[in-house]
Amino acid sequence: LQPIYAYDLVSQPAGKTGYATRRLSFLTCDEEGRLLPASSVAFDPASSTASTVAEIKNSAAVVSENATVGALNVEYKEGYSSSVGATLSIADGKKLSIGSGTQGAVAPLLLNNAKLGDSGYQVVSGGTIDFGAAEGIVALNNAGRQEKPAQINSVIAGSGGVTFAAPALNAPGFRGCLQLGSANTYTGGSWVEGVQLQL
């Protein structure tokens, strides 16, 4: 089954408190329909597929050729000890396809935990993010302030619409602000829940 995202439904690392426990996580279902944590791997655009659940943590990922991933989490650290943000750069003219691309499925992109300073916030830039015929989901958690929003400067494409969402329990100071900087081409409608979009 396609992974789904959920808030505070999987166990957190031992000893982590506060912001470190406030994160969105991917879940999946077993054959009997029970929810289970979905295992994830470090994002490798050269080897990931439509069934890969991947994450970018405290690093900069570059997509230099067309690539596919099933679900992607762009996360700024656990514990707020690093000054390095998590960024995703897609080369001009290249495309990152997220999800299976099939109608009725979901294609999730998570932006988890941003830093309050001038660095360390999520920036997705360049190329195209393509959700295909699936419903694109862009979820922010403890990410994006009005003066320092999370940013997606890539073109967002697809035909299944896009949902922009943030949980109600964002940490103080974070308002789920997301800045969209490109001439997006997706169709199928937009749904906004708990996110302040800056266009």
N, C-alpha and C. Protein backbone atom coordinates (compact mmCIF):
# COMPACT_ATOMS: atom_id res chain seq x y z
N LEU A 1 0.84 -1.19 0.00
CA LEU A 1 0.00 0.00 0.00
C LEU A 1 0.88 1.24 0.00
N GLN A 2 0.29 2.35 -0.46
CA GLN A 2 1.03 3.59 -0.43
C GLN A 2 1.26 4.03 1.02
N PRO A 3 2.44 4.54 1.33
CA PRO A 3 2.64 5.09 2.67
C PRO A 3 1.74 6.30 2.89
N ILE A 4 1.30 6.49 4.11
CA ILE A 4 0.57 7.69 4.46
C ILE A 4 1.34 8.39 5.56
N TYR A 5 1.02 9.65 5.82
CA TYR A 5 1.74 10.33 6.88
C TYR A 5 0.81 10.49 8.07
N ALA A 6 1.39 10.51 9.23
CA ALA A 6 0.62 10.69 10.46
C ALA A 6 1.46 11.44 11.47
N TYR A 7 0.82 12.05 12.42
CA TYR A 7 1.50 12.91 13.37
C TYR A 7 1.59 12.23 14.74
N ASP A 8 2.83 12.09 15.22
CA ASP A 8 3.07 11.54 16.56
C ASP A 8 2.45 10.16 16.75
N LEU A 9 2.49 9.32 15.74
CA LEU A 9 1.91 7.99 15.88
C LEU A 9 2.96 6.88 15.88
N VAL A 10 4.22 7.24 15.72
CA VAL A 10 5.27 6.24 15.83
C VAL A 10 6.20 6.65 16.95
N SER A 11 6.89 5.67 17.52
CA SER A 11 7.76 5.96 18.65
C SER A 11 8.91 6.86 18.24
N GLN A 12 9.35 7.71 19.16
CA GLN A 12 10.43 8.65 18.90
C GLN A 12 11.72 8.13 19.52
N PRO A 13 12.87 8.65 19.05
CA PRO A 13 14.15 8.19 19.60
C PRO A 13 14.24 8.40 21.10
N ALA A 14 14.86 7.46 21.79
CA ALA A 14 15.02 7.56 23.24
C ALA A 14 15.75 8.84 23.59
N GLY A 15 15.27 9.52 24.63
CA GLY A 15 15.93 10.72 25.10
C GLY A 15 15.57 11.98 24.36
N LYS A 16 14.76 11.90 23.30
CA LYS A 16 14.38 13.07 22.54
C LYS A 16 13.10 13.65 23.14
N THR A 17 13.10 14.96 23.36
CA THR A 17 11.93 15.62 23.91
C THR A 17 11.64 16.88 23.12
N GLY A 18 10.55 17.55 23.44
CA GLY A 18 10.23 18.83 22.83
C GLY A 18 10.05 18.71 21.33
N TYR A 19 10.67 19.66 20.60
CA TYR A 19 10.50 19.71 19.16
C TYR A 19 10.88 18.40 18.49
N ALA A 20 11.87 17.70 19.06
CA ALA A 20 12.37 16.48 18.42
C ALA A 20 11.30 15.40 18.35
N THR A 21 10.28 15.48 19.21
CA THR A 21 9.23 14.47 19.18
C THR A 21 8.06 14.89 18.30
N ARG A 22 8.09 16.14 17.84
CA ARG A 22 6.98 16.65 17.04
C ARG A 22 7.34 16.53 15.58
N ARG A 23 7.06 15.39 15.02
CA ARG A 23 7.42 15.18 13.62
C ARG A 23 6.38 14.31 12.95
N LEU A 24 6.23 14.54 11.67
CA LEU A 24 5.37 13.68 10.88
C LEU A 24 6.17 12.46 10.45
N SER A 25 5.51 11.33 10.39
CA SER A 25 6.18 10.09 10.03
C SER A 25 5.33 9.33 9.03
N PHE A 26 5.99 8.51 8.23
CA PHE A 26 5.27 7.68 7.29
C PHE A 26 4.79 6.41 7.97
N LEU A 27 3.57 6.04 7.64
CA LEU A 27 3.02 4.77 8.09
C LEU A 27 2.59 3.97 6.88
N THR A 28 2.48 2.69 7.07
CA THR A 28 1.94 1.83 6.03
C THR A 28 1.04 0.80 6.71
N CYS A 29 0.46 -0.09 5.95
CA CYS A 29 -0.44 -1.10 6.49
C CYS A 29 0.09 -2.49 6.17
N ASP A 30 -0.16 -3.42 7.10
CA ASP A 30 0.17 -4.80 6.79
C ASP A 30 -1.01 -5.44 6.05
N GLU A 31 -0.91 -6.73 5.78
CA GLU A 31 -1.95 -7.40 5.00
C GLU A 31 -3.30 -7.43 5.70
N GLU A 32 -3.30 -7.25 7.02
CA GLU A 32 -4.55 -7.25 7.77
C GLU A 32 -5.05 -5.85 8.06
N GLY A 33 -4.39 -4.85 7.48
CA GLY A 33 -4.86 -3.48 7.63
C GLY A 33 -4.37 -2.77 8.87
N ARG A 34 -3.42 -3.35 9.60
CA ARG A 34 -2.90 -2.70 10.79
C ARG A 34 -1.81 -1.70 10.40
N LEU A 35 -1.82 -0.53 11.08
CA LEU A 35 -0.83 0.49 10.80
C LEU A 35 0.52 0.10 11.36
N LEU A 36 1.56 0.31 10.57
CA LEU A 36 2.93 0.02 10.99
C LEU A 36 3.83 1.16 10.54
N PRO A 37 4.91 1.44 11.30
CA PRO A 37 5.87 2.43 10.81
C PRO A 37 6.48 1.96 9.49
N ALA A 38 6.58 2.85 8.54
CA ALA A 38 7.19 2.51 7.26
C ALA A 38 8.69 2.79 7.35
N SER A 39 9.49 1.80 7.08
CA SER A 39 10.94 2.00 7.12
C SER A 39 11.35 2.90 5.97
N SER A 40 12.38 3.72 6.22
CA SER A 40 12.84 4.65 5.19
C SER A 40 14.35 4.53 5.03
N VAL A 41 14.82 4.98 3.89
CA VAL A 41 16.24 4.95 3.58
C VAL A 41 16.68 6.34 3.17
N ALA A 42 17.98 6.58 3.23
CA ALA A 42 18.52 7.85 2.75
C ALA A 42 18.21 8.00 1.27
N PHE A 43 17.79 9.18 0.88
CA PHE A 43 17.39 9.42 -0.50
C PHE A 43 18.58 9.32 -1.44
N ASP A 44 18.48 8.43 -2.41
CA ASP A 44 19.47 8.26 -3.45
C ASP A 44 18.74 8.32 -4.78
N PRO A 45 18.79 9.46 -5.47
CA PRO A 45 18.00 9.58 -6.70
C PRO A 45 18.39 8.59 -7.78
N ALA A 46 19.60 8.06 -7.71
CA ALA A 46 20.04 7.12 -8.74
C ALA A 46 19.41 5.75 -8.60
N SER A 47 18.99 5.39 -7.37
CA SER A 47 18.49 4.03 -7.14
C SER A 47 17.07 3.97 -6.62
N SER A 48 16.49 5.08 -6.24
CA SER A 48 15.15 5.04 -5.67
C SER A 48 14.11 4.73 -6.75
N THR A 49 13.00 4.14 -6.32
CA THR A 49 11.91 3.76 -7.22
C THR A 49 10.59 4.26 -6.66
N ALA A 50 9.50 3.96 -7.35
CA ALA A 50 8.18 4.40 -6.92
C ALA A 50 7.74 3.71 -5.63
N SER A 51 8.47 2.70 -5.17
CA SER A 51 8.14 2.05 -3.90
C SER A 51 9.10 2.42 -2.79
N THR A 52 10.04 3.32 -3.05
CA THR A 52 11.03 3.72 -2.05
C THR A 52 10.48 4.81 -1.14
N VAL A 53 10.56 4.60 0.17
CA VAL A 53 10.25 5.64 1.15
C VAL A 53 11.60 6.21 1.60
N ALA A 54 11.85 7.46 1.30
CA ALA A 54 13.19 8.03 1.48
C ALA A 54 13.14 9.29 2.32
N GLU A 55 14.31 9.66 2.85
CA GLU A 55 14.42 10.86 3.66
C GLU A 55 15.72 11.59 3.35
N ILE A 56 15.66 12.90 3.50
CA ILE A 56 16.84 13.76 3.42
C ILE A 56 16.94 14.43 4.78
N LYS A 57 18.00 14.14 5.53
CA LYS A 57 18.15 14.71 6.87
C LYS A 57 19.47 15.46 6.97
N ASN A 58 19.39 16.73 7.36
CA ASN A 58 20.58 17.53 7.64
C ASN A 58 21.56 17.51 6.49
N SER A 59 21.09 17.50 5.27
CA SER A 59 22.01 17.43 4.15
C SER A 59 21.36 18.04 2.92
N ALA A 60 22.16 18.21 1.89
CA ALA A 60 21.67 18.73 0.62
C ALA A 60 21.66 17.61 -0.39
N ALA A 61 20.51 17.34 -0.98
CA ALA A 61 20.37 16.30 -2.00
C ALA A 61 20.23 16.97 -3.35
N VAL A 62 20.87 16.38 -4.36
CA VAL A 62 20.84 16.93 -5.71
C VAL A 62 20.30 15.86 -6.66
N VAL A 63 19.30 16.23 -7.43
CA VAL A 63 18.76 15.35 -8.48
C VAL A 63 19.27 15.89 -9.80
N SER A 64 20.24 15.20 -10.39
CA SER A 64 20.86 15.69 -11.62
C SER A 64 20.25 15.06 -12.88
N GLU A 65 19.52 13.96 -12.71
CA GLU A 65 18.81 13.31 -13.81
C GLU A 65 17.39 13.01 -13.35
N ASN A 66 16.50 12.69 -14.27
CA ASN A 66 15.13 12.34 -13.89
C ASN A 66 15.16 11.21 -12.87
N ALA A 67 14.34 11.32 -11.84
CA ALA A 67 14.35 10.33 -10.76
C ALA A 67 12.93 10.12 -10.25
N THR A 68 12.75 9.02 -9.51
CA THR A 68 11.44 8.67 -8.95
C THR A 68 11.63 8.24 -7.50
N VAL A 69 10.68 8.61 -6.64
CA VAL A 69 10.67 8.16 -5.26
C VAL A 69 9.22 7.98 -4.84
N GLY A 70 8.95 6.99 -3.98
CA GLY A 70 7.58 6.74 -3.57
C GLY A 70 7.04 7.78 -2.61
N ALA A 71 7.86 8.18 -1.64
CA ALA A 71 7.49 9.17 -0.64
C ALA A 71 8.79 9.79 -0.14
N LEU A 72 8.78 11.08 0.16
CA LEU A 72 10.03 11.77 0.53
C LEU A 72 9.82 12.66 1.73
N ASN A 73 10.71 12.54 2.69
CA ASN A 73 10.72 13.36 3.89
C ASN A 73 11.98 14.22 3.88
N VAL A 74 11.80 15.54 3.82
CA VAL A 74 12.92 16.48 3.90
C VAL A 74 12.92 17.03 5.31
N GLU A 75 13.87 16.57 6.13
CA GLU A 75 13.79 16.85 7.57
C GLU A 75 15.05 17.53 8.08
N TYR A 76 14.82 18.56 8.88
CA TYR A 76 15.91 19.25 9.55
C TYR A 76 16.13 18.63 10.92
N LYS A 77 17.07 17.78 11.04
CA LYS A 77 17.62 17.16 12.24
C LYS A 77 16.64 16.69 13.29
N GLU A 78 17.20 16.01 14.27
CA GLU A 78 16.48 15.61 15.48
C GLU A 78 17.27 16.17 16.65
N GLY A 79 16.69 17.02 17.42
CA GLY A 79 17.36 17.54 18.59
C GLY A 79 17.85 18.96 18.49
N TYR A 80 17.75 19.58 17.30
CA TYR A 80 18.11 20.98 17.12
C TYR A 80 19.53 21.29 17.56
N SER A 81 20.51 20.51 17.10
CA SER A 81 21.89 20.76 17.46
C SER A 81 22.75 21.16 16.27
N SER A 82 22.21 21.04 15.06
CA SER A 82 22.99 21.31 13.86
C SER A 82 22.57 22.62 13.23
N SER A 83 23.51 23.26 12.52
CA SER A 83 23.19 24.48 11.79
C SER A 83 22.95 24.20 10.32
N VAL A 84 22.92 22.95 9.96
CA VAL A 84 22.75 22.56 8.56
C VAL A 84 21.29 22.27 8.29
N GLY A 85 20.78 22.85 7.23
CA GLY A 85 19.40 22.57 6.86
C GLY A 85 19.31 21.37 5.95
N ALA A 86 18.10 21.05 5.54
CA ALA A 86 17.87 19.98 4.58
C ALA A 86 17.34 20.62 3.31
N THR A 87 18.02 20.39 2.21
CA THR A 87 17.60 21.00 0.96
C THR A 87 17.55 19.94 -0.15
N LEU A 88 16.74 20.22 -1.13
CA LEU A 88 16.61 19.36 -2.30
C LEU A 88 16.71 20.23 -3.54
N SER A 89 17.68 19.94 -4.39
CA SER A 89 17.87 20.70 -5.62
C SER A 89 17.68 19.77 -6.81
N ILE A 90 16.85 20.20 -7.75
CA ILE A 90 16.59 19.43 -8.96
C ILE A 90 17.16 20.23 -10.12
N ALA A 91 17.96 19.58 -10.96
CA ALA A 91 18.60 20.27 -12.08
C ALA A 91 17.55 20.82 -13.04
N ASP A 92 17.87 21.92 -13.67
CA ASP A 92 16.96 22.52 -14.65
C ASP A 92 16.63 21.51 -15.74
N GLY A 93 15.37 21.42 -16.07
CA GLY A 93 14.93 20.51 -17.11
C GLY A 93 14.76 19.07 -16.66
N LYS A 94 15.02 18.80 -15.38
CA LYS A 94 14.90 17.44 -14.85
C LYS A 94 13.68 17.36 -13.94
N LYS A 95 13.24 16.12 -13.69
CA LYS A 95 11.99 15.90 -12.97
C LYS A 95 12.19 14.87 -11.87
N LEU A 96 11.63 15.18 -10.70
CA LEU A 96 11.53 14.20 -9.63
C LEU A 96 10.07 13.79 -9.52
N SER A 97 9.77 12.54 -9.85
CA SER A 97 8.42 12.02 -9.73
C SER A 97 8.24 11.43 -8.34
N ILE A 98 7.18 11.83 -7.65
CA ILE A 98 6.90 11.34 -6.30
C ILE A 98 5.63 10.50 -6.34
N GLY A 99 5.68 9.30 -5.77
CA GLY A 99 4.53 8.42 -5.73
C GLY A 99 4.45 7.54 -6.97
N SER A 100 3.39 6.76 -7.01
CA SER A 100 3.20 5.84 -8.13
C SER A 100 2.69 6.52 -9.38
N GLY A 101 2.16 7.74 -9.20
CA GLY A 101 1.63 8.48 -10.34
C GLY A 101 0.27 8.02 -10.80
N THR A 102 -0.36 7.13 -10.04
CA THR A 102 -1.65 6.59 -10.47
C THR A 102 -2.81 7.29 -9.76
N GLN A 103 -3.90 7.41 -10.46
CA GLN A 103 -5.08 8.06 -9.91
C GLN A 103 -5.58 7.28 -8.71
N GLY A 104 -5.97 8.00 -7.65
CA GLY A 104 -6.47 7.38 -6.44
C GLY A 104 -5.41 7.12 -5.40
N ALA A 105 -4.14 7.23 -5.79
CA ALA A 105 -3.05 7.06 -4.83
C ALA A 105 -2.65 8.42 -4.27
N VAL A 106 -1.78 8.42 -3.27
CA VAL A 106 -1.24 9.67 -2.73
C VAL A 106 0.25 9.71 -2.99
N ALA A 107 0.77 10.93 -3.10
CA ALA A 107 2.19 11.14 -3.37
C ALA A 107 2.70 12.15 -2.35
N PRO A 108 3.23 11.68 -1.20
CA PRO A 108 3.53 12.60 -0.10
C PRO A 108 4.96 13.15 -0.11
N LEU A 109 5.04 14.46 0.15
CA LEU A 109 6.29 15.16 0.38
C LEU A 109 6.17 15.85 1.74
N LEU A 110 7.02 15.48 2.70
CA LEU A 110 6.98 16.05 4.04
C LEU A 110 8.13 17.04 4.24
N LEU A 111 7.83 18.15 4.88
CA LEU A 111 8.85 19.10 5.31
C LEU A 111 8.79 19.15 6.83
N ASN A 112 9.76 18.50 7.47
CA ASN A 112 9.74 18.30 8.92
C ASN A 112 10.79 19.15 9.61
N ASN A 113 10.37 19.90 10.62
CA ASN A 113 11.27 20.56 11.56
C ASN A 113 12.26 21.50 10.90
N ALA A 114 11.99 22.79 11.00
CA ALA A 114 12.89 23.81 10.46
C ALA A 114 13.60 24.54 11.60
N LYS A 115 14.66 25.25 11.26
CA LYS A 115 15.43 26.02 12.25
C LYS A 115 14.95 27.46 12.23
N LEU A 116 15.02 28.12 13.37
CA LEU A 116 14.54 29.49 13.46
C LEU A 116 15.52 30.50 12.89
N GLY A 117 16.79 30.12 12.70
CA GLY A 117 17.80 31.05 12.21
C GLY A 117 17.74 31.26 10.71
N ASP A 118 18.76 31.94 10.19
CA ASP A 118 18.79 32.25 8.76
C ASP A 118 19.11 31.04 7.91
N SER A 119 19.72 30.02 8.51
CA SER A 119 19.98 28.80 7.76
C SER A 119 19.21 27.67 8.42
N GLY A 120 19.13 26.54 7.75
CA GLY A 120 18.51 25.40 8.36
C GLY A 120 17.03 25.24 8.08
N TYR A 121 16.51 25.99 7.11
CA TYR A 121 15.11 25.78 6.76
C TYR A 121 15.07 25.05 5.43
N GLN A 122 13.93 24.47 5.12
CA GLN A 122 13.85 23.64 3.93
C GLN A 122 13.68 24.48 2.68
N VAL A 123 14.48 24.16 1.68
CA VAL A 123 14.34 24.78 0.38
C VAL A 123 14.37 23.68 -0.67
N VAL A 124 13.31 23.61 -1.46
CA VAL A 124 13.25 22.70 -2.60
C VAL A 124 13.29 23.58 -3.84
N SER A 125 14.25 23.34 -4.72
CA SER A 125 14.44 24.27 -5.83
C SER A 125 14.79 23.55 -7.12
N GLY A 126 14.53 24.24 -8.23
CA GLY A 126 14.92 23.77 -9.54
C GLY A 126 14.03 22.68 -10.11
N GLY A 127 14.07 22.54 -11.43
CA GLY A 127 13.39 21.44 -12.08
C GLY A 127 11.90 21.35 -11.76
N THR A 128 11.40 20.11 -11.76
CA THR A 128 9.97 19.86 -11.59
C THR A 128 9.75 18.74 -10.58
N ILE A 129 8.77 18.94 -9.69
CA ILE A 129 8.25 17.87 -8.84
C ILE A 129 6.94 17.43 -9.47
N ASP A 130 6.87 16.16 -9.86
CA ASP A 130 5.71 15.66 -10.59
C ASP A 130 4.99 14.59 -9.77
N PHE A 131 3.74 14.86 -9.40
CA PHE A 131 2.94 13.91 -8.65
C PHE A 131 2.13 12.99 -9.57
N GLY A 132 2.22 13.18 -10.87
CA GLY A 132 1.46 12.35 -11.80
C GLY A 132 -0.03 12.50 -11.59
N ALA A 133 -0.77 11.40 -11.75
CA ALA A 133 -2.22 11.44 -11.55
C ALA A 133 -2.61 11.25 -10.09
N ALA A 134 -1.63 10.98 -9.23
CA ALA A 134 -1.90 10.83 -7.80
C ALA A 134 -2.17 12.19 -7.17
N GLU A 135 -2.80 12.16 -5.99
CA GLU A 135 -2.98 13.40 -5.23
C GLU A 135 -1.65 13.75 -4.56
N GLY A 136 -1.10 14.90 -4.90
CA GLY A 136 0.11 15.35 -4.24
C GLY A 136 -0.21 15.87 -2.85
N ILE A 137 0.60 15.49 -1.87
CA ILE A 137 0.42 15.98 -0.51
C ILE A 137 1.73 16.62 -0.07
N VAL A 138 1.67 17.90 0.25
CA VAL A 138 2.83 18.61 0.81
C VAL A 138 2.47 18.97 2.24
N ALA A 139 3.14 18.32 3.20
CA ALA A 139 2.81 18.50 4.61
C ALA A 139 3.97 19.16 5.33
N LEU A 140 3.68 20.19 6.11
CA LEU A 140 4.69 20.89 6.88
C LEU A 140 4.47 20.61 8.36
N ASN A 141 5.56 20.42 9.07
CA ASN A 141 5.47 20.21 10.51
C ASN A 141 6.61 20.97 11.18
N ASN A 142 6.26 21.92 12.06
CA ASN A 142 7.28 22.77 12.69
C ASN A 142 8.19 23.38 11.64
N ALA A 143 7.62 23.77 10.54
CA ALA A 143 8.41 24.31 9.43
C ALA A 143 7.71 25.53 8.87
N GLY A 144 8.45 26.60 8.71
CA GLY A 144 7.92 27.77 8.03
C GLY A 144 7.37 28.83 8.96
N ARG A 145 8.06 29.97 9.03
CA ARG A 145 7.55 31.16 9.68
C ARG A 145 7.25 32.19 8.62
N GLN A 146 6.49 33.22 8.97
CA GLN A 146 6.16 34.23 7.98
C GLN A 146 7.41 34.88 7.43
N GLU A 147 8.40 35.16 8.29
CA GLU A 147 9.61 35.84 7.84
C GLU A 147 10.65 34.88 7.28
N LYS A 148 10.46 33.60 7.46
CA LYS A 148 11.40 32.60 6.94
C LYS A 148 10.61 31.34 6.59
N PRO A 149 9.85 31.43 5.50
CA PRO A 149 9.00 30.29 5.14
C PRO A 149 9.81 29.14 4.56
N ALA A 150 9.27 27.95 4.67
CA ALA A 150 9.78 26.86 3.86
C ALA A 150 9.50 27.22 2.40
N GLN A 151 10.34 26.76 1.50
CA GLN A 151 10.21 27.19 0.11
C GLN A 151 10.21 26.00 -0.85
N ILE A 152 9.32 26.06 -1.80
CA ILE A 152 9.37 25.15 -2.94
C ILE A 152 9.45 26.02 -4.18
N ASN A 153 10.65 26.08 -4.75
CA ASN A 153 10.87 26.89 -5.94
C ASN A 153 10.91 26.03 -7.20
N SER A 154 10.57 24.77 -7.06
CA SER A 154 10.44 23.88 -8.21
C SER A 154 9.03 24.00 -8.77
N VAL A 155 8.88 23.72 -10.06
CA VAL A 155 7.56 23.64 -10.65
C VAL A 155 6.86 22.40 -10.09
N ILE A 156 5.62 22.55 -9.64
CA ILE A 156 4.82 21.42 -9.17
C ILE A 156 3.88 21.02 -10.30
N ALA A 157 3.98 19.75 -10.72
CA ALA A 157 3.19 19.26 -11.84
C ALA A 157 2.37 18.05 -11.41
N GLY A 158 1.36 17.72 -12.19
CA GLY A 158 0.50 16.57 -11.91
C GLY A 158 -0.93 16.89 -12.28
N SER A 159 -1.77 15.88 -12.26
CA SER A 159 -3.16 16.08 -12.64
C SER A 159 -4.15 15.68 -11.55
N GLY A 160 -3.64 15.25 -10.38
CA GLY A 160 -4.51 14.80 -9.30
C GLY A 160 -4.74 15.81 -8.20
N GLY A 161 -4.32 17.06 -8.42
CA GLY A 161 -4.47 18.08 -7.39
C GLY A 161 -3.41 17.96 -6.32
N VAL A 162 -3.32 18.99 -5.49
CA VAL A 162 -2.32 19.02 -4.41
C VAL A 162 -2.98 19.50 -3.13
N THR A 163 -2.71 18.79 -2.04
CA THR A 163 -3.13 19.21 -0.70
C THR A 163 -1.93 19.75 0.04
N PHE A 164 -2.05 20.96 0.57
CA PHE A 164 -1.03 21.58 1.40
C PHE A 164 -1.57 21.56 2.83
N ALA A 165 -0.85 20.89 3.75
CA ALA A 165 -1.41 20.69 5.09
C ALA A 165 -0.34 20.85 6.16
N ALA A 166 -0.78 21.22 7.34
CA ALA A 166 0.09 21.29 8.52
C ALA A 166 -0.75 20.91 9.73
N PRO A 167 -0.17 20.17 10.69
CA PRO A 167 -0.93 19.81 11.89
C PRO A 167 -1.21 21.02 12.75
N ALA A 168 -2.26 20.92 13.56
CA ALA A 168 -2.64 22.04 14.41
C ALA A 168 -1.65 22.26 15.54
N LEU A 169 -0.82 21.26 15.83
CA LEU A 169 0.06 21.34 16.99
C LEU A 169 1.49 21.72 16.62
N ASN A 170 1.67 22.62 15.64
CA ASN A 170 2.99 23.12 15.33
C ASN A 170 3.59 23.77 16.57
N ALA A 171 4.91 23.72 16.68
CA ALA A 171 5.59 24.34 17.82
C ALA A 171 5.42 25.85 17.76
N PRO A 172 5.51 26.54 18.93
CA PRO A 172 5.38 28.00 18.94
C PRO A 172 6.37 28.64 17.98
N GLY A 173 5.90 29.65 17.24
CA GLY A 173 6.76 30.35 16.30
C GLY A 173 6.67 29.83 14.88
N PHE A 174 6.16 28.63 14.71
CA PHE A 174 6.00 28.06 13.38
C PHE A 174 4.53 28.10 12.98
N ARG A 175 4.25 28.63 11.81
CA ARG A 175 2.87 28.79 11.36
C ARG A 175 2.58 28.01 10.10
N GLY A 176 3.47 27.11 9.74
CA GLY A 176 3.25 26.35 8.54
C GLY A 176 3.24 27.21 7.30
N CYS A 177 4.18 28.17 7.22
CA CYS A 177 4.24 29.05 6.06
C CYS A 177 5.05 28.39 4.95
N LEU A 178 4.49 28.38 3.77
CA LEU A 178 5.13 27.77 2.62
C LEU A 178 5.09 28.75 1.46
N GLN A 179 6.26 29.02 0.90
CA GLN A 179 6.37 29.93 -0.24
C GLN A 179 6.54 29.12 -1.51
N LEU A 180 5.65 29.34 -2.47
CA LEU A 180 5.74 28.69 -3.77
C LEU A 180 6.26 29.71 -4.77
N GLY A 181 7.38 29.37 -5.41
CA GLY A 181 8.07 30.37 -6.20
C GLY A 181 8.05 30.17 -7.70
N SER A 182 7.45 29.09 -8.19
CA SER A 182 7.48 28.83 -9.63
C SER A 182 6.09 28.88 -10.24
N ALA A 183 6.06 28.91 -11.56
CA ALA A 183 4.78 28.88 -12.27
C ALA A 183 4.32 27.43 -12.32
N ASN A 184 3.60 27.00 -11.31
CA ASN A 184 3.19 25.60 -11.20
C ASN A 184 2.21 25.23 -12.29
N THR A 185 2.26 23.98 -12.71
CA THR A 185 1.43 23.53 -13.83
C THR A 185 0.43 22.46 -13.44
N TYR A 186 0.37 22.10 -12.14
CA TYR A 186 -0.53 21.00 -11.76
C TYR A 186 -1.98 21.42 -11.93
N THR A 187 -2.82 20.41 -12.17
CA THR A 187 -4.25 20.61 -12.30
C THR A 187 -4.96 19.67 -11.32
N GLY A 188 -6.27 19.83 -11.20
CA GLY A 188 -7.04 18.97 -10.31
C GLY A 188 -7.43 19.63 -9.01
N GLY A 189 -7.04 20.88 -8.82
CA GLY A 189 -7.45 21.61 -7.64
C GLY A 189 -6.39 21.69 -6.56
N SER A 190 -6.61 22.61 -5.62
CA SER A 190 -5.73 22.80 -4.46
C SER A 190 -6.56 22.75 -3.20
N TRP A 191 -6.03 22.08 -2.19
CA TRP A 191 -6.67 22.03 -0.88
C TRP A 191 -5.65 22.52 0.13
N VAL A 192 -6.07 23.45 0.99
CA VAL A 192 -5.16 24.06 1.95
C VAL A 192 -5.74 23.88 3.34
N GLU A 193 -4.96 23.26 4.23
CA GLU A 193 -5.42 23.02 5.60
C GLU A 193 -4.29 23.33 6.58
N GLY A 194 -4.43 24.43 7.31
CA GLY A 194 -3.47 24.78 8.35
C GLY A 194 -2.16 25.33 7.84
N VAL A 195 -2.09 25.66 6.55
CA VAL A 195 -0.86 26.18 5.95
C VAL A 195 -1.12 27.60 5.44
N GLN A 196 -0.15 28.48 5.66
CA GLN A 196 -0.21 29.79 5.05
C GLN A 196 0.65 29.77 3.80
N LEU A 197 0.00 29.89 2.64
CA LEU A 197 0.73 29.87 1.37
C LEU A 197 1.14 31.29 0.99
N GLN A 198 2.39 31.43 0.58
CA GLN A 198 2.89 32.68 0.03
C GLN A 198 3.18 32.46 -1.44
N LEU A 199 2.46 33.14 -2.30
CA LEU A 199 2.56 32.92 -3.74
C LEU A 199 3.33 34.06 -4.40
